[in-house]
Amino acid sequence: MKLSHTQQSKRLSRHAAGFTLIEILLVIVVILMLAAAMVVFVLPQQKGAEKNTTKLMLAQVATALDTYRLNLGHYPTEQEGGLDALSKKPTFENERMGEKWQGPYIKPGTSLDDPWGNKLRYELIAAGGDAESTSALPYKLFSVGPDGQPDSDDDIKHGAEVASGDNTGR
């Protein structure tokens, strides 16, 4: 009788030791529900973080542009390299201008790309042009945003667009 009792207890312990298919499926469903909730809540936060990062980057570059202007008396031109003049000393025809350059104006290794891999855009506004009357700054500094297309609704701008009430700039 003892033999049959031990055999019975071994059979019971074998069945009780594992998980049933229903239990495993239930755990998988719960994990999938948690993953779906994370996607729903995290993705919008990531998009907001990318936009905030771009706004901060534009503000940092604008500060560097202002420092450049204070040292040299003008904002960098296309001939001087545009935004590249903030990190690398341009070649100036006038030696005195070269001596005034006190850069680099942005931290070495700083990327001038937005989180979507697009270069930041910098355009000087021609003196006396129509654009100057609507702009508080003599330049446009912006990111083309996630779609990579200029002059679309997702562009992130710094400067005059902020002052005029467009909330995409700040």
Protein backbone atom coordinates (compact mmCIF):
# COMPACT_ATOMS: atom_id res chain seq x y z
CA MET A 1 0.00 0.00 0.00
CA LYS A 2 2.87 2.31 0.65
CA LEU A 3 4.07 1.88 -2.92
CA SER A 4 0.77 2.92 -4.39
CA HIS A 5 0.54 5.89 -2.06
CA THR A 6 4.04 7.15 -3.12
CA GLN A 7 3.20 6.67 -6.76
CA GLN A 8 0.02 8.68 -6.30
CA SER A 9 1.86 11.54 -4.56
CA LYS A 10 4.46 11.64 -7.36
CA ARG A 11 1.69 11.95 -9.96
CA LEU A 12 0.02 14.76 -8.01
CA SER A 13 3.26 16.64 -7.52
CA ARG A 14 4.04 16.39 -11.26
CA HIS A 15 0.73 18.02 -12.16
CA ALA A 16 0.91 20.67 -9.46
CA ALA A 17 4.48 21.77 -10.27
CA GLY A 18 3.80 23.38 -13.71
CA PHE A 19 1.67 26.20 -15.11
CA THR A 20 -1.41 25.50 -17.11
CA LEU A 21 -1.82 26.85 -20.62
CA ILE A 22 -4.57 29.19 -19.39
CA GLU A 23 -2.25 30.71 -16.76
CA ILE A 24 0.50 31.29 -19.31
CA LEU A 25 -1.93 32.87 -21.78
CA LEU A 26 -3.32 35.08 -19.04
CA VAL A 27 0.18 36.34 -18.15
CA ILE A 28 0.91 37.04 -21.85
CA VAL A 29 -2.35 39.01 -22.20
CA VAL A 30 -1.53 41.11 -19.11
CA ILE A 31 1.97 41.84 -20.44
CA LEU A 32 0.56 42.85 -23.84
CA MET A 33 -1.97 45.15 -22.17
CA LEU A 34 0.81 46.84 -20.17
CA ALA A 35 2.94 47.23 -23.31
CA ALA A 36 0.01 48.78 -25.20
CA ALA A 37 -0.62 51.23 -22.35
CA MET A 38 3.06 52.22 -22.37
CA VAL A 39 2.97 52.89 -26.12
CA VAL A 40 -0.15 55.03 -25.78
CA PHE A 41 1.35 57.15 -23.00
CA VAL A 42 5.06 57.24 -23.91
CA LEU A 43 4.99 58.09 -27.63
CA PRO A 44 3.26 61.48 -27.20
CA GLN A 45 5.75 62.31 -24.44
CA GLN A 46 8.65 61.50 -26.76
CA LYS A 47 7.29 63.81 -29.46
CA GLY A 48 6.96 66.61 -26.91
CA ALA A 49 10.49 65.97 -25.67
CA GLU A 50 11.88 66.17 -29.22
CA LYS A 51 10.16 69.52 -29.76
CA ASN A 52 11.40 70.85 -26.41
CA THR A 53 14.93 69.69 -27.19
CA THR A 54 14.77 71.52 -30.51
CA LYS A 55 13.51 74.71 -28.84
CA LEU A 56 16.38 74.58 -26.35
CA MET A 57 18.87 73.95 -29.14
CA LEU A 58 17.54 76.94 -31.09
CA ALA A 59 17.84 79.13 -28.00
CA GLN A 60 21.44 77.97 -27.48
CA VAL A 61 22.35 78.73 -31.09
CA ALA A 62 20.62 82.13 -30.89
CA THR A 63 22.72 82.98 -27.84
CA ALA A 64 25.86 81.95 -29.73
CA LEU A 65 24.78 84.09 -32.69
CA ASP A 66 24.30 87.09 -30.39
CA THR A 67 27.76 86.58 -28.87
CA TYR A 68 29.25 86.35 -32.36
CA ARG A 69 27.55 89.63 -33.27
CA LEU A 70 28.85 91.31 -30.11
CA ASN A 71 32.41 90.30 -30.95
CA LEU A 72 32.42 90.95 -34.70
CA GLY A 73 29.69 93.57 -35.09
CA HIS A 74 27.48 91.46 -37.38
CA TYR A 75 25.82 88.06 -37.57
CA PRO A 76 27.65 85.38 -39.57
CA THR A 77 27.01 85.58 -43.29
CA GLU A 78 26.75 82.77 -45.77
CA GLN A 79 30.25 83.64 -47.04
CA GLU A 80 31.56 83.18 -43.49
CA GLY A 81 29.93 79.76 -43.26
CA GLY A 82 26.59 80.57 -41.64
CA LEU A 83 26.13 78.53 -38.48
CA ASP A 84 29.47 76.81 -39.05
CA ALA A 85 31.15 80.16 -38.22
CA LEU A 86 30.06 79.55 -34.61
CA SER A 87 32.29 76.51 -34.27
CA LYS A 88 35.09 77.09 -36.83
CA LYS A 89 36.91 80.35 -37.39
CA PRO A 90 36.01 81.69 -40.83
CA THR A 91 38.63 83.13 -43.13
CA PHE A 92 38.26 86.89 -43.12
CA GLU A 93 39.67 89.21 -45.76
CA ASN A 94 40.32 91.76 -43.03
CA GLU A 95 42.86 90.53 -40.45
CA ARG A 96 41.34 92.73 -37.75
CA MET A 97 38.02 90.91 -38.12
CA GLY A 98 39.83 87.61 -37.67
CA GLU A 99 41.32 88.87 -34.41
CA LYS A 100 37.85 89.74 -33.10
CA TRP A 101 36.59 86.17 -33.49
CA GLN A 102 36.63 84.72 -29.96
CA GLY A 103 35.04 81.35 -30.70
CA PRO A 104 34.08 78.68 -30.74
CA TYR A 105 30.72 80.08 -29.68
CA ILE A 106 29.07 76.70 -29.28
CA LYS A 107 30.44 73.78 -27.32
CA PRO A 108 32.80 71.66 -29.45
CA GLY A 109 31.06 68.56 -30.72
CA THR A 110 27.61 70.16 -30.54
CA SER A 111 25.51 68.91 -33.42
CA LEU A 112 23.54 71.49 -35.34
CA ASP A 113 20.99 68.82 -36.32
CA ASP A 114 17.53 68.58 -34.84
CA PRO A 115 16.30 65.32 -33.25
CA TRP A 116 14.91 64.22 -36.64
CA GLY A 117 18.33 64.47 -38.33
CA ASN A 118 17.69 67.72 -40.22
CA LYS A 119 20.17 70.60 -40.17
CA LEU A 120 19.04 73.72 -38.33
CA ARG A 121 18.21 76.49 -40.80
CA TYR A 122 19.71 79.95 -40.51
CA GLU A 123 18.92 82.78 -42.92
CA LEU A 124 19.98 86.40 -42.68
CA ILE A 125 17.23 88.82 -43.62
CA ALA A 126 18.31 91.45 -46.13
CA ALA A 127 18.37 94.99 -44.74
CA GLY A 128 15.38 97.00 -45.90
CA GLY A 129 13.49 93.90 -47.05
CA ASP A 130 9.82 93.24 -46.38
CA ALA A 131 10.68 90.42 -44.01
CA GLU A 132 12.46 92.82 -41.67
CA SER A 133 9.27 94.74 -40.90
CA THR A 134 7.65 91.55 -39.54
CA SER A 135 10.79 90.27 -37.80
CA ALA A 136 12.27 91.42 -34.51
CA LEU A 137 15.57 89.73 -35.41
CA PRO A 138 17.71 90.26 -38.51
CA TYR A 139 17.77 86.49 -39.10
CA LYS A 140 15.52 83.45 -39.19
CA LEU A 141 16.54 80.44 -37.13
CA PHE A 142 14.36 77.34 -37.32
CA SER A 143 14.05 73.59 -37.60
CA VAL A 144 11.97 72.07 -40.38
CA GLY A 145 10.46 69.68 -37.83
CA PRO A 146 9.58 65.99 -38.06
CA ASP A 147 8.42 66.05 -41.70
CA GLY A 148 11.67 67.59 -42.97
CA GLN A 149 9.79 70.07 -45.17
CA PRO A 150 10.28 73.84 -44.75
CA ASP A 151 7.31 76.20 -44.38
CA SER A 152 4.98 73.57 -42.95
CA ASP A 153 2.91 73.55 -39.76
CA ASP A 154 5.40 71.46 -37.80
CA ASP A 155 8.34 73.87 -38.21
CA ILE A 156 9.88 74.98 -34.93
CA LYS A 157 10.98 78.61 -35.10
CA HIS A 158 13.00 80.93 -32.92
CA GLY A 159 12.71 84.69 -32.86
CA ALA A 160 10.05 86.89 -34.39
CA GLU A 161 7.49 84.13 -34.74
CA VAL A 162 7.65 83.68 -30.96
CA ALA A 163 7.06 87.38 -30.30
CA SER A 164 4.12 87.57 -32.68
CA GLY A 165 2.20 84.87 -30.84
CA ASP A 166 3.04 81.72 -32.79
CA ASN A 167 3.32 79.10 -30.07
CA THR A 168 5.54 76.76 -32.08
CA GLY A 169 8.63 78.77 -31.15
CA ARG A 170 8.45 78.48 -27.35
